[in-house]
Amino acid sequence: MSAFRLKVALAASVLLLTISATLEAQLVVGTWVRTPTKTAPGMMTMMVEPCCGSGYKLTYRFAMGSNKTVMTVESPFDGTEVPVLVNGKPSGETMAIKRVDSHHSTTVIKMNGEPFGTSSATLSADDKTLTVINEMASGAAGKVTETWTKQ
């Protein structure tokens, strides 16, 4: 194969990989609603928007009693620890979210610098359901499974 054809083939491959990665990233973008359970009652929504290079901004909306709360996280999804904001202010909580592949991620959660819990998320094959298993430190809620549905 000539050098020119090799360069064209390589450029086409890189372009296809870039398009594929962009499409994969867009599959999770949108509004998700958590299914309430006994251990995780109440209505909660999560808006996912692209940010931070190949990462996402997660905006959670929920009510705590009569107070409406907005929690935001802007993560590059590469395992970097980032602050969690509650109603626009630092909460002392951080999340280190890491994309494992196009349908899996893991998160390490800290509160005031101390490990607080971990979670693992799995996106369904049809990209419409997100299952998150949270394991909190002793004394907290323990193991909780959340199911989110894309709207």
C-alpha atoms as a PDB file:
ATOM      1  CA  MET A   1       0.000   0.000   0.000  1.00  0.00           C
ATOM      2  CA  SER A   2       1.329   3.428  -0.905  1.00  0.00           C
ATOM      3  CA  ALA A   3       2.158   5.981   1.793  1.00  0.00           C
ATOM      4  CA  PHE A   4      -0.702   8.195   0.570  1.00  0.00           C
ATOM      5  CA  ARG A   5      -3.297   5.384   0.803  1.00  0.00           C
ATOM      6  CA  LEU A   6      -2.006   4.427   4.232  1.00  0.00           C
ATOM      7  CA  LYS A   7      -2.403   8.041   5.442  1.00  0.00           C
ATOM      8  CA  VAL A   8      -5.952   8.231   4.013  1.00  0.00           C
ATOM      9  CA  ALA A   9      -6.899   4.893   5.629  1.00  0.00           C
ATOM     10  CA  LEU A  10      -5.439   6.001   8.951  1.00  0.00           C
ATOM     11  CA  ALA A  11      -7.248   9.366   8.789  1.00  0.00           C
ATOM     12  CA  ALA A  12     -10.542   7.624   7.961  1.00  0.00           C
ATOM     13  CA  SER A  13     -10.084   5.211  10.877  1.00  0.00           C
ATOM     14  CA  VAL A  14      -9.379   8.061  13.297  1.00  0.00           C
ATOM     15  CA  LEU A  15     -12.440   9.943  12.004  1.00  0.00           C
ATOM     16  CA  LEU A  16     -14.684   6.874  12.461  1.00  0.00           C
ATOM     17  CA  LEU A  17     -13.372   6.291  15.991  1.00  0.00           C
ATOM     18  CA  THR A  18     -13.980   9.955  16.846  1.00  0.00           C
ATOM     19  CA  ILE A  19     -17.541   9.838  15.469  1.00  0.00           C
ATOM     20  CA  SER A  20     -18.187   6.563  17.308  1.00  0.00           C
ATOM     21  CA  ALA A  21     -16.893   7.966  20.612  1.00  0.00           C
ATOM     22  CA  THR A  22     -19.012  11.105  20.157  1.00  0.00           C
ATOM     23  CA  LEU A  23     -22.138   9.051  19.464  1.00  0.00           C
ATOM     24  CA  GLU A  24     -21.464   6.848  22.497  1.00  0.00           C
ATOM     25  CA  ALA A  25     -21.050   9.925  24.669  1.00  0.00           C
ATOM     26  CA  GLN A  26     -24.339  11.383  23.406  1.00  0.00           C
ATOM     27  CA  LEU A  27     -26.307   8.257  24.361  1.00  0.00           C
ATOM     28  CA  VAL A  28     -26.342   9.193  28.060  1.00  0.00           C
ATOM     29  CA  VAL A  29     -26.990  12.906  27.506  1.00  0.00           C
ATOM     30  CA  GLY A  30     -30.493  13.948  28.524  1.00  0.00           C
ATOM     31  CA  THR A  31     -32.874  13.734  31.464  1.00  0.00           C
ATOM     32  CA  TRP A  32     -33.078  10.642  33.660  1.00  0.00           C
ATOM     33  CA  VAL A  33     -35.656   9.867  36.375  1.00  0.00           C
ATOM     34  CA  ARG A  34     -34.876   7.657  39.367  1.00  0.00           C
ATOM     35  CA  THR A  35     -37.405   4.979  40.289  1.00  0.00           C
ATOM     36  CA  PRO A  36     -38.334   5.456  43.975  1.00  0.00           C
ATOM     37  CA  THR A  37     -37.793   2.470  46.320  1.00  0.00           C
ATOM     38  CA  LYS A  38     -38.114   1.796  50.061  1.00  0.00           C
ATOM     39  CA  THR A  39     -34.451   2.632  50.603  1.00  0.00           C
ATOM     40  CA  ALA A  40     -34.392   5.511  48.098  1.00  0.00           C
ATOM     41  CA  PRO A  41     -37.825   7.152  48.263  1.00  0.00           C
ATOM     42  CA  GLY A  42     -38.865  10.373  46.615  1.00  0.00           C
ATOM     43  CA  MET A  43     -38.598  11.847  43.149  1.00  0.00           C
ATOM     44  CA  MET A  44     -35.157  12.628  41.759  1.00  0.00           C
ATOM     45  CA  THR A  45     -34.096  13.679  38.282  1.00  0.00           C
ATOM     46  CA  MET A  46     -30.637  13.805  36.753  1.00  0.00           C
ATOM     47  CA  MET A  47     -29.767  15.993  33.777  1.00  0.00           C
ATOM     48  CA  VAL A  48     -26.646  14.856  31.917  1.00  0.00           C
ATOM     49  CA  GLU A  49     -24.853  17.370  29.687  1.00  0.00           C
ATOM     50  CA  PRO A  50     -21.486  17.176  27.924  1.00  0.00           C
ATOM     51  CA  CYS A  51     -18.649  19.098  29.590  1.00  0.00           C
ATOM     52  CA  CYS A  52     -15.053  18.881  30.673  1.00  0.00           C
ATOM     53  CA  GLY A  53     -13.632  17.504  27.424  1.00  0.00           C
ATOM     54  CA  SER A  54     -15.064  14.002  27.202  1.00  0.00           C
ATOM     55  CA  GLY A  55     -16.904  14.229  30.533  1.00  0.00           C
ATOM     56  CA  TYR A  56     -20.312  15.253  31.774  1.00  0.00           C
ATOM     57  CA  LYS A  57     -22.077  17.730  34.016  1.00  0.00           C
ATOM     58  CA  LEU A  58     -24.559  15.903  36.226  1.00  0.00           C
ATOM     59  CA  THR A  59     -27.364  18.008  37.708  1.00  0.00           C
ATOM     60  CA  TYR A  60     -29.541  16.232  40.262  1.00  0.00           C
ATOM     61  CA  ARG A  61     -32.838  17.770  41.381  1.00  0.00           C
ATOM     62  CA  PHE A  62     -34.734  16.468  44.402  1.00  0.00           C
ATOM     63  CA  ALA A  63     -36.712  17.601  47.435  1.00  0.00           C
ATOM     64  CA  MET A  64     -35.626  17.197  51.043  1.00  0.00           C
ATOM     65  CA  GLY A  65     -38.842  17.891  52.924  1.00  0.00           C
ATOM     66  CA  SER A  66     -40.151  21.184  51.595  1.00  0.00           C
ATOM     67  CA  ASN A  67     -36.684  22.247  50.388  1.00  0.00           C
ATOM     68  CA  LYS A  68     -35.880  21.773  46.727  1.00  0.00           C
ATOM     69  CA  THR A  69     -32.245  20.856  46.242  1.00  0.00           C
ATOM     70  CA  VAL A  70     -29.956  21.022  43.210  1.00  0.00           C
ATOM     71  CA  MET A  71     -26.701  19.062  43.318  1.00  0.00           C
ATOM     72  CA  THR A  72     -24.140  19.419  40.508  1.00  0.00           C
ATOM     73  CA  VAL A  73     -20.980  17.573  39.560  1.00  0.00           C
ATOM     74  CA  GLU A  74     -18.740  18.433  36.590  1.00  0.00           C
ATOM     75  CA  SER A  75     -16.471  15.464  35.902  1.00  0.00           C
ATOM     76  CA  PRO A  76     -14.075  14.587  33.090  1.00  0.00           C
ATOM     77  CA  PHE A  77     -14.992  10.914  33.850  1.00  0.00           C
ATOM     78  CA  ASP A  78     -11.308   9.998  34.091  1.00  0.00           C
ATOM     79  CA  GLY A  79     -11.158   9.328  37.847  1.00  0.00           C
ATOM     80  CA  THR A  80     -10.287  12.909  38.813  1.00  0.00           C
ATOM     81  CA  GLU A  81     -11.750  13.935  42.178  1.00  0.00           C
ATOM     82  CA  VAL A  82     -14.146  16.880  41.716  1.00  0.00           C
ATOM     83  CA  PRO A  83     -16.311  18.847  44.164  1.00  0.00           C
ATOM     84  CA  VAL A  84     -20.035  18.266  44.563  1.00  0.00           C
ATOM     85  CA  LEU A  85     -21.983  21.527  44.747  1.00  0.00           C
ATOM     86  CA  VAL A  86     -25.312  21.724  46.583  1.00  0.00           C
ATOM     87  CA  ASN A  87     -27.419  24.705  45.571  1.00  0.00           C
ATOM     88  CA  GLY A  88     -24.284  26.198  44.008  1.00  0.00           C
ATOM     89  CA  LYS A  89     -22.078  25.903  47.108  1.00  0.00           C
ATOM     90  CA  PRO A  90     -19.336  23.393  48.019  1.00  0.00           C
ATOM     91  CA  SER A  91     -20.769  20.571  50.131  1.00  0.00           C
ATOM     92  CA  GLY A  92     -17.565  18.954  51.393  1.00  0.00           C
ATOM     93  CA  GLU A  93     -18.364  15.947  49.207  1.00  0.00           C
ATOM     94  CA  THR A  94     -16.249  14.928  46.219  1.00  0.00           C
ATOM     95  CA  MET A  95     -16.734  12.357  43.486  1.00  0.00           C
ATOM     96  CA  ALA A  96     -14.073  10.657  41.387  1.00  0.00           C
ATOM     97  CA  ILE A  97     -16.011   9.209  38.447  1.00  0.00           C
ATOM     98  CA  LYS A  98     -14.215   6.954  35.982  1.00  0.00           C
ATOM     99  CA  ARG A  99     -15.587   5.684  32.689  1.00  0.00           C
ATOM    100  CA  VAL A 100     -14.722   1.973  32.415  1.00  0.00           C
ATOM    101  CA  ASP A 101     -16.245   1.591  28.935  1.00  0.00           C
ATOM    102  CA  SER A 102     -19.220   2.993  27.010  1.00  0.00           C
ATOM    103  CA  HIS A 103     -21.713   1.291  29.369  1.00  0.00           C
ATOM    104  CA  HIS A 104     -19.922   1.189  32.754  1.00  0.00           C
ATOM    105  CA  SER A 105     -18.484   3.671  35.234  1.00  0.00           C
ATOM    106  CA  THR A 106     -17.257   3.612  38.821  1.00  0.00           C
ATOM    107  CA  THR A 107     -17.260   6.352  41.427  1.00  0.00           C
ATOM    108  CA  VAL A 108     -15.398   6.943  44.672  1.00  0.00           C
ATOM    109  CA  ILE A 109     -17.254   9.291  47.010  1.00  0.00           C
ATOM    110  CA  LYS A 110     -15.548  11.218  49.817  1.00  0.00           C
ATOM    111  CA  MET A 111     -16.969  13.502  52.482  1.00  0.00           C
ATOM    112  CA  ASN A 112     -14.576  16.091  53.920  1.00  0.00           C
ATOM    113  CA  GLY A 113     -11.655  14.118  52.477  1.00  0.00           C
ATOM    114  CA  GLU A 114     -12.662  10.796  54.048  1.00  0.00           C
ATOM    115  CA  PRO A 115     -13.876   7.813  51.981  1.00  0.00           C
ATOM    116  CA  PHE A 116     -17.661   7.663  52.219  1.00  0.00           C
ATOM    117  CA  GLY A 117     -18.696   5.156  49.571  1.00  0.00           C
ATOM    118  CA  THR A 118     -18.404   3.768  46.085  1.00  0.00           C
ATOM    119  CA  SER A 119     -20.808   3.207  43.263  1.00  0.00           C
ATOM    120  CA  SER A 120     -20.853   1.352  39.995  1.00  0.00           C
ATOM    121  CA  ALA A 121     -23.152   2.255  37.123  1.00  0.00           C
ATOM    122  CA  THR A 122     -24.269   0.084  34.222  1.00  0.00           C
ATOM    123  CA  LEU A 123     -26.085   1.455  31.178  1.00  0.00           C
ATOM    124  CA  SER A 124     -28.443  -1.080  29.579  1.00  0.00           C
ATOM    125  CA  ALA A 125     -27.822  -2.389  26.064  1.00  0.00           C
ATOM    126  CA  ASP A 126     -30.727  -0.270  24.732  1.00  0.00           C
ATOM    127  CA  ASP A 127     -29.269   2.848  26.478  1.00  0.00           C
ATOM    128  CA  LYS A 128     -32.564   3.553  28.270  1.00  0.00           C
ATOM    129  CA  THR A 129     -31.908   2.278  31.805  1.00  0.00           C
ATOM    130  CA  LEU A 130     -29.064   3.089  34.166  1.00  0.00           C
ATOM    131  CA  THR A 131     -28.557   0.824  37.184  1.00  0.00           C
ATOM    132  CA  VAL A 132     -26.386   2.264  39.961  1.00  0.00           C
ATOM    133  CA  ILE A 133     -25.210   0.208  42.924  1.00  0.00           C
ATOM    134  CA  ASN A 134     -24.103   2.423  45.822  1.00  0.00           C
ATOM    135  CA  GLU A 135     -22.121   0.972  48.726  1.00  0.00           C
ATOM    136  CA  MET A 136     -21.803   3.433  51.573  1.00  0.00           C
ATOM    137  CA  ALA A 137     -19.395   3.340  54.497  1.00  0.00           C
ATOM    138  CA  SER A 138     -20.510   1.605  57.674  1.00  0.00           C
ATOM    139  CA  GLY A 139     -23.045   3.567  59.632  1.00  0.00           C
ATOM    140  CA  ALA A 140     -24.547   5.010  56.450  1.00  0.00           C
ATOM    141  CA  ALA A 141     -27.278   3.473  54.296  1.00  0.00           C
ATOM    142  CA  GLY A 142     -25.266   0.366  53.331  1.00  0.00           C
ATOM    143  CA  LYS A 143     -25.848  -1.027  49.833  1.00  0.00           C
ATOM    144  CA  VAL A 144     -28.535   0.691  47.746  1.00  0.00           C
ATOM    145  CA  THR A 145     -29.478  -0.016  44.129  1.00  0.00           C
ATOM    146  CA  GLU A 146     -30.966   2.801  42.053  1.00  0.00           C
ATOM    147  CA  THR A 147     -32.678   2.450  38.697  1.00  0.00           C
ATOM    148  CA  TRP A 148     -32.793   5.462  36.382  1.00  0.00           C
ATOM    149  CA  THR A 149     -34.883   5.659  33.195  1.00  0.00           C
ATOM    150  CA  LYS A 150     -34.054   7.979  30.313  1.00  0.00           C
ATOM    151  CA  GLN A 151     -36.886  10.342  29.396  1.00  0.00           C
END
